[in-house]
Amino acid sequence: MTTTIYDRAMAMITCDSRWSIPDDRFGVLYVDEAEFSKVEIAGGHTFVFAGKSNVIHAWKVFLQARDRGIAMAEPTMDGISALVAELRTGALKFYYGQDIVLPGQDDPYTVFAGTGSNHAARCWESNKCPKLAVTSAMKFDVCTGGEVRYVELKSGKHNLTTCKGANSLNQAFLNKGMVMFNRNETEKGPVPFKDAADIDPSVAEWYKQAASGSILDNIQAPCDAMFSKPSAEERGRMSEVLKDIFG
């Protein structure tokens, strides 16, 4: 799962780095150290996503192509949240599928998405720090975790790592995946993916799929927008923003 934040006062975007596969049969399978980011910098803007990894991957490929002057059809926005902020000014240019907007839609000052958004918003209201808010969400939301990634919009400073695309997630799950059980095994804490596969047959099914390279469509950075589709108006606003950025 995930937590993403845009903070206008600090001109900053932050997010966690966890990718996951929730499964009611056992709990959640996740990985924190993957070479695939929820953030993309292109055309002098920062884009941050949550939702389905395969759709996010399509958007990152699209943005990288447009940044090189290559025309491509816009990917679907079904199953994701998206936010666009301008570098240098920190201005919020577009958002869709966000879970919390403070103080409200008429004046979006701080914007949150993901399963940890409620916890993050509570922390932000007390501390006004988007980095601390993501860290706080990790304490309460088992599906928010890993390194806190950030982009300082006005300076361009960031701690993003090299992104090798969503296909790298499959190997990341095999090598570094963990399982948090939601039953009697909870007291064991996170269990390595392979060891968890020996404990639970439903985890073993995922391990088999990962070994065959076929779990990408199931990997998520979950948010409420995963279960909705944008309206024609929302889709049109995204197209206008992209036209303004890339021409």
Protein backbone atom coordinates (compact mmCIF):
# COMPACT_ATOMS: atom_id res chain seq x y z
CA MET A 1 0.00 0.00 0.00
CA THR A 2 1.14 3.52 0.11
CA THR A 3 1.10 7.09 1.32
CA THR A 4 1.73 10.08 -0.97
CA ILE A 5 1.66 13.75 0.05
CA TYR A 6 1.84 17.12 -1.69
CA ASP A 7 2.58 20.04 0.65
CA ARG A 8 2.23 23.55 -0.84
CA ALA A 9 3.83 25.42 2.06
CA MET A 10 7.01 23.33 1.95
CA ALA A 11 6.78 22.93 -1.84
CA MET A 12 7.42 19.23 -1.43
CA ILE A 13 6.15 15.86 -2.57
CA THR A 14 6.78 12.83 -0.37
CA CYS A 15 5.82 9.17 -0.54
CA ASP A 16 6.75 5.80 0.87
CA SER A 17 8.44 3.13 -1.26
CA ARG A 18 6.42 -0.01 -0.51
CA TRP A 19 4.75 -2.14 -3.19
CA SER A 20 2.37 -4.85 -2.11
CA ILE A 21 -0.06 -7.63 -2.91
CA PRO A 22 -2.83 -7.84 -0.29
CA ASP A 23 -4.50 -11.22 0.08
CA ASP A 24 -7.27 -11.82 2.61
CA ARG A 25 -6.23 -15.46 2.92
CA PHE A 26 -3.01 -14.60 4.77
CA GLY A 27 -2.28 -10.86 4.98
CA VAL A 28 -0.01 -8.84 2.74
CA LEU A 29 3.01 -9.62 0.57
CA TYR A 30 5.25 -6.60 0.09
CA VAL A 31 8.66 -5.31 -0.94
CA ASP A 32 10.36 -2.06 0.06
CA GLU A 33 13.62 -2.14 -1.86
CA ALA A 34 12.56 -2.12 -5.50
CA GLU A 35 13.97 -0.18 -8.45
CA PHE A 36 10.56 1.16 -9.43
CA SER A 37 9.38 4.52 -8.12
CA LYS A 38 5.92 6.03 -7.65
CA VAL A 39 7.39 9.37 -8.75
CA GLU A 40 8.45 10.61 -12.19
CA ILE A 41 10.10 13.93 -13.03
CA ALA A 42 9.45 15.08 -16.59
CA GLY A 43 8.88 18.34 -18.45
CA GLY A 44 9.84 20.44 -15.46
CA HIS A 45 7.15 18.81 -13.32
CA THR A 46 6.88 16.09 -10.70
CA PHE A 47 4.25 13.39 -11.11
CA VAL A 48 3.34 11.10 -8.20
CA PHE A 49 1.07 8.08 -8.51
CA ALA A 50 -0.61 5.43 -6.40
CA GLY A 51 -2.70 2.43 -7.43
CA LYS A 52 -2.06 -0.36 -9.90
CA SER A 53 1.62 -0.81 -10.73
CA ASN A 54 1.05 -1.78 -14.36
CA VAL A 55 -0.92 1.44 -15.02
CA ILE A 56 1.69 3.52 -13.18
CA HIS A 57 4.36 1.86 -15.32
CA ALA A 58 2.46 2.83 -18.48
CA TRP A 59 2.34 6.44 -17.31
CA LYS A 60 6.04 6.53 -16.50
CA VAL A 61 6.88 5.15 -19.95
CA PHE A 62 4.57 7.76 -21.49
CA LEU A 63 6.13 10.63 -19.52
CA GLN A 64 9.67 9.54 -20.34
CA ALA A 65 8.77 9.42 -24.03
CA ARG A 66 7.09 12.84 -23.99
CA ASP A 67 10.11 14.27 -22.18
CA ARG A 68 12.20 13.13 -25.17
CA GLY A 69 9.76 14.65 -27.64
CA ILE A 70 8.20 11.34 -28.65
CA ALA A 71 4.42 11.42 -29.15
CA MET A 72 2.40 8.66 -27.48
CA ALA A 73 -1.25 8.09 -26.67
CA GLU A 74 -2.11 8.85 -23.06
CA PRO A 75 -2.48 5.72 -20.92
CA THR A 76 -5.65 4.93 -19.01
CA MET A 77 -6.19 6.57 -15.65
CA ASP A 78 -8.39 3.71 -14.45
CA GLY A 79 -7.15 2.28 -11.16
CA ILE A 80 -4.69 5.02 -10.16
CA SER A 81 -4.44 8.34 -8.39
CA ALA A 82 -2.25 11.04 -9.92
CA LEU A 83 -0.88 14.41 -8.89
CA VAL A 84 1.21 16.90 -10.88
CA ALA A 85 3.23 19.77 -9.38
CA GLU A 86 5.54 22.23 -11.09
CA LEU A 87 9.22 22.39 -10.29
CA ARG A 88 10.66 25.84 -9.43
CA THR A 89 7.27 27.25 -8.32
CA GLY A 90 5.86 24.28 -6.40
CA ALA A 91 2.43 25.01 -7.91
CA LEU A 92 -0.13 22.22 -7.89
CA LYS A 93 -1.20 21.71 -11.51
CA PHE A 94 -3.51 18.69 -11.32
CA TYR A 95 -4.74 15.98 -8.99
CA TYR A 96 -7.10 13.06 -9.36
CA GLY A 97 -8.18 10.23 -7.05
CA GLN A 98 -6.67 11.75 -3.92
CA ASP A 99 -8.09 10.59 -0.59
CA ILE A 100 -7.74 13.76 1.51
CA VAL A 101 -7.51 17.39 0.36
CA LEU A 102 -6.88 20.06 3.02
CA PRO A 103 -8.42 22.47 3.74
CA GLY A 104 -10.74 21.63 0.81
CA GLN A 105 -11.18 21.30 -2.94
CA ASP A 106 -11.47 25.10 -3.40
CA ASP A 107 -8.02 25.71 -1.94
CA PRO A 108 -5.91 22.52 -2.00
CA TYR A 109 -3.01 23.17 0.36
CA THR A 110 -1.96 19.66 1.34
CA VAL A 111 -3.09 16.56 -0.54
CA PHE A 112 -2.89 12.92 0.57
CA ALA A 113 -3.48 9.59 -1.18
CA GLY A 114 -3.12 5.94 -0.20
CA THR A 115 -4.04 3.61 2.61
CA GLY A 116 -1.92 5.60 5.05
CA SER A 117 -3.46 8.95 4.14
CA ASN A 118 -5.66 9.23 7.23
CA HIS A 119 -2.76 8.60 9.61
CA ALA A 120 -0.49 10.89 7.60
CA ALA A 121 -3.04 13.73 7.63
CA ARG A 122 -3.41 13.51 11.42
CA CYS A 123 0.35 13.77 11.84
CA TRP A 124 0.62 16.61 9.32
CA GLU A 125 -2.04 18.64 11.14
CA SER A 126 0.14 18.49 14.26
CA ASN A 127 3.62 18.80 12.76
CA LYS A 128 3.20 20.31 9.27
CA CYS A 129 6.00 18.07 7.97
CA PRO A 130 5.24 15.82 4.95
CA LYS A 131 8.29 13.62 5.56
CA LEU A 132 7.33 13.00 9.18
CA ALA A 133 3.74 12.40 8.11
CA VAL A 134 4.75 9.52 5.84
CA THR A 135 6.94 8.07 8.59
CA SER A 136 4.05 8.34 11.02
CA ALA A 137 1.73 6.49 8.62
CA MET A 138 4.21 3.59 8.60
CA LYS A 139 3.62 3.07 12.32
CA PHE A 140 -0.10 2.50 11.85
CA ASP A 141 -0.52 1.20 8.31
CA VAL A 142 1.25 -2.11 7.74
CA CYS A 143 1.08 -1.45 4.04
CA THR A 144 3.04 1.82 4.14
CA GLY A 145 6.78 1.36 4.51
CA GLY A 146 10.31 1.50 3.20
CA GLU A 147 12.34 4.63 2.53
CA VAL A 148 10.58 8.01 2.55
CA ARG A 149 11.12 9.46 -0.93
CA TYR A 150 10.85 13.20 -1.52
CA VAL A 151 11.17 15.92 -4.13
CA GLU A 152 11.82 19.50 -3.05
CA LEU A 153 9.96 21.23 -5.84
CA LYS A 154 11.59 24.65 -5.84
CA SER A 155 15.19 23.42 -5.62
CA GLY A 156 14.72 20.17 -7.51
CA LYS A 157 16.57 18.28 -4.78
CA HIS A 158 15.34 14.73 -4.30
CA ASN A 159 16.35 11.29 -3.05
CA LEU A 160 14.76 9.24 -5.83
CA THR A 161 16.69 6.20 -6.95
CA THR A 162 17.20 4.90 -10.48
CA CYS A 163 13.91 3.54 -11.79
CA LYS A 164 14.23 0.40 -13.89
CA GLY A 165 10.52 -0.04 -14.59
CA ALA A 166 7.79 -2.25 -13.21
CA ASN A 167 9.36 -5.39 -14.63
CA SER A 168 12.03 -5.08 -11.92
CA LEU A 169 9.33 -5.61 -9.28
CA ASN A 170 9.01 -9.32 -10.00
CA GLN A 171 12.64 -10.02 -9.10
CA ALA A 172 12.49 -7.61 -6.17
CA PHE A 173 9.64 -9.63 -4.66
CA LEU A 174 11.57 -12.87 -5.13
CA ASN A 175 14.78 -11.50 -3.65
CA LYS A 176 13.51 -9.15 -0.94
CA GLY A 177 9.78 -9.79 -0.57
CA MET A 178 8.26 -10.11 2.89
CA VAL A 179 4.92 -11.37 4.20
CA MET A 180 3.01 -9.94 7.13
CA PHE A 181 0.46 -12.50 8.27
CA ASN A 182 -2.86 -11.38 9.73
CA ARG A 183 -3.61 -14.56 11.66
CA ASN A 184 -1.87 -16.49 14.43
CA GLU A 185 1.53 -15.95 12.79
CA THR A 186 1.36 -12.17 13.33
CA GLU A 187 3.63 -12.32 16.36
CA LYS A 188 6.43 -13.59 14.11
CA GLY A 189 6.58 -10.20 12.41
CA PRO A 190 7.50 -9.95 8.72
CA VAL A 191 8.53 -13.30 7.25
CA PRO A 192 10.72 -13.61 4.11
CA PHE A 193 8.63 -14.48 1.05
CA LYS A 194 10.23 -17.89 0.48
CA ASP A 195 9.93 -18.88 4.15
CA ALA A 196 6.31 -17.74 4.22
CA ALA A 197 5.62 -19.89 1.16
CA ASP A 198 6.69 -22.91 3.23
CA ILE A 199 4.23 -21.88 5.97
CA ASP A 200 1.13 -21.07 3.92
CA PRO A 201 -0.04 -22.66 0.64
CA SER A 202 -1.69 -19.42 -0.51
CA VAL A 203 1.65 -17.63 -0.20
CA ALA A 204 3.22 -20.54 -2.07
CA GLU A 205 0.85 -19.80 -4.97
CA TRP A 206 2.19 -16.25 -5.18
CA TYR A 207 5.77 -17.49 -4.94
CA LYS A 208 5.16 -19.81 -7.87
CA GLN A 209 3.70 -16.94 -9.89
CA ALA A 210 6.62 -14.69 -9.01
CA ALA A 211 9.09 -17.40 -10.05
CA SER A 212 7.35 -17.58 -13.41
CA GLY A 213 7.39 -13.77 -13.77
CA SER A 214 3.62 -13.33 -13.72
CA ILE A 215 2.70 -11.19 -10.69
CA LEU A 216 3.06 -7.69 -12.16
CA ASP A 217 -0.66 -7.16 -12.79
CA ASN A 218 -1.36 -7.81 -9.09
CA ILE A 219 1.21 -5.47 -7.55
CA GLN A 220 -0.20 -2.31 -6.03
CA ALA A 221 0.41 0.90 -4.15
CA PRO A 222 -3.26 0.85 -3.08
CA CYS A 223 -5.53 3.85 -2.80
CA ASP A 224 -9.28 4.38 -3.06
CA ALA A 225 -8.98 5.41 -6.72
CA MET A 226 -8.08 1.83 -7.60
CA PHE A 227 -11.81 1.13 -7.57
CA SER A 228 -12.93 4.00 -9.76
CA LYS A 229 -12.54 5.57 -13.19
CA PRO A 230 -12.06 9.25 -14.00
CA SER A 231 -14.89 11.24 -15.54
CA ALA A 232 -14.52 12.69 -19.04
CA GLU A 233 -13.99 16.10 -17.40
CA GLU A 234 -11.21 14.80 -15.16
CA ARG A 235 -9.57 13.05 -18.07
CA GLY A 236 -9.82 16.22 -20.12
CA ARG A 237 -8.16 18.29 -17.40
CA MET A 238 -5.23 15.88 -17.31
CA SER A 239 -4.90 16.12 -21.10
CA GLU A 240 -4.87 19.91 -20.90
CA VAL A 241 -2.15 19.87 -18.25
CA LEU A 242 -0.05 17.51 -20.35
CA LYS A 243 -0.54 19.71 -23.42
CA ASP A 244 0.59 22.73 -21.41
CA ILE A 245 3.69 20.87 -20.19
CA PHE A 246 4.79 19.09 -23.35
CA GLY A 247 3.06 21.06 -26.12
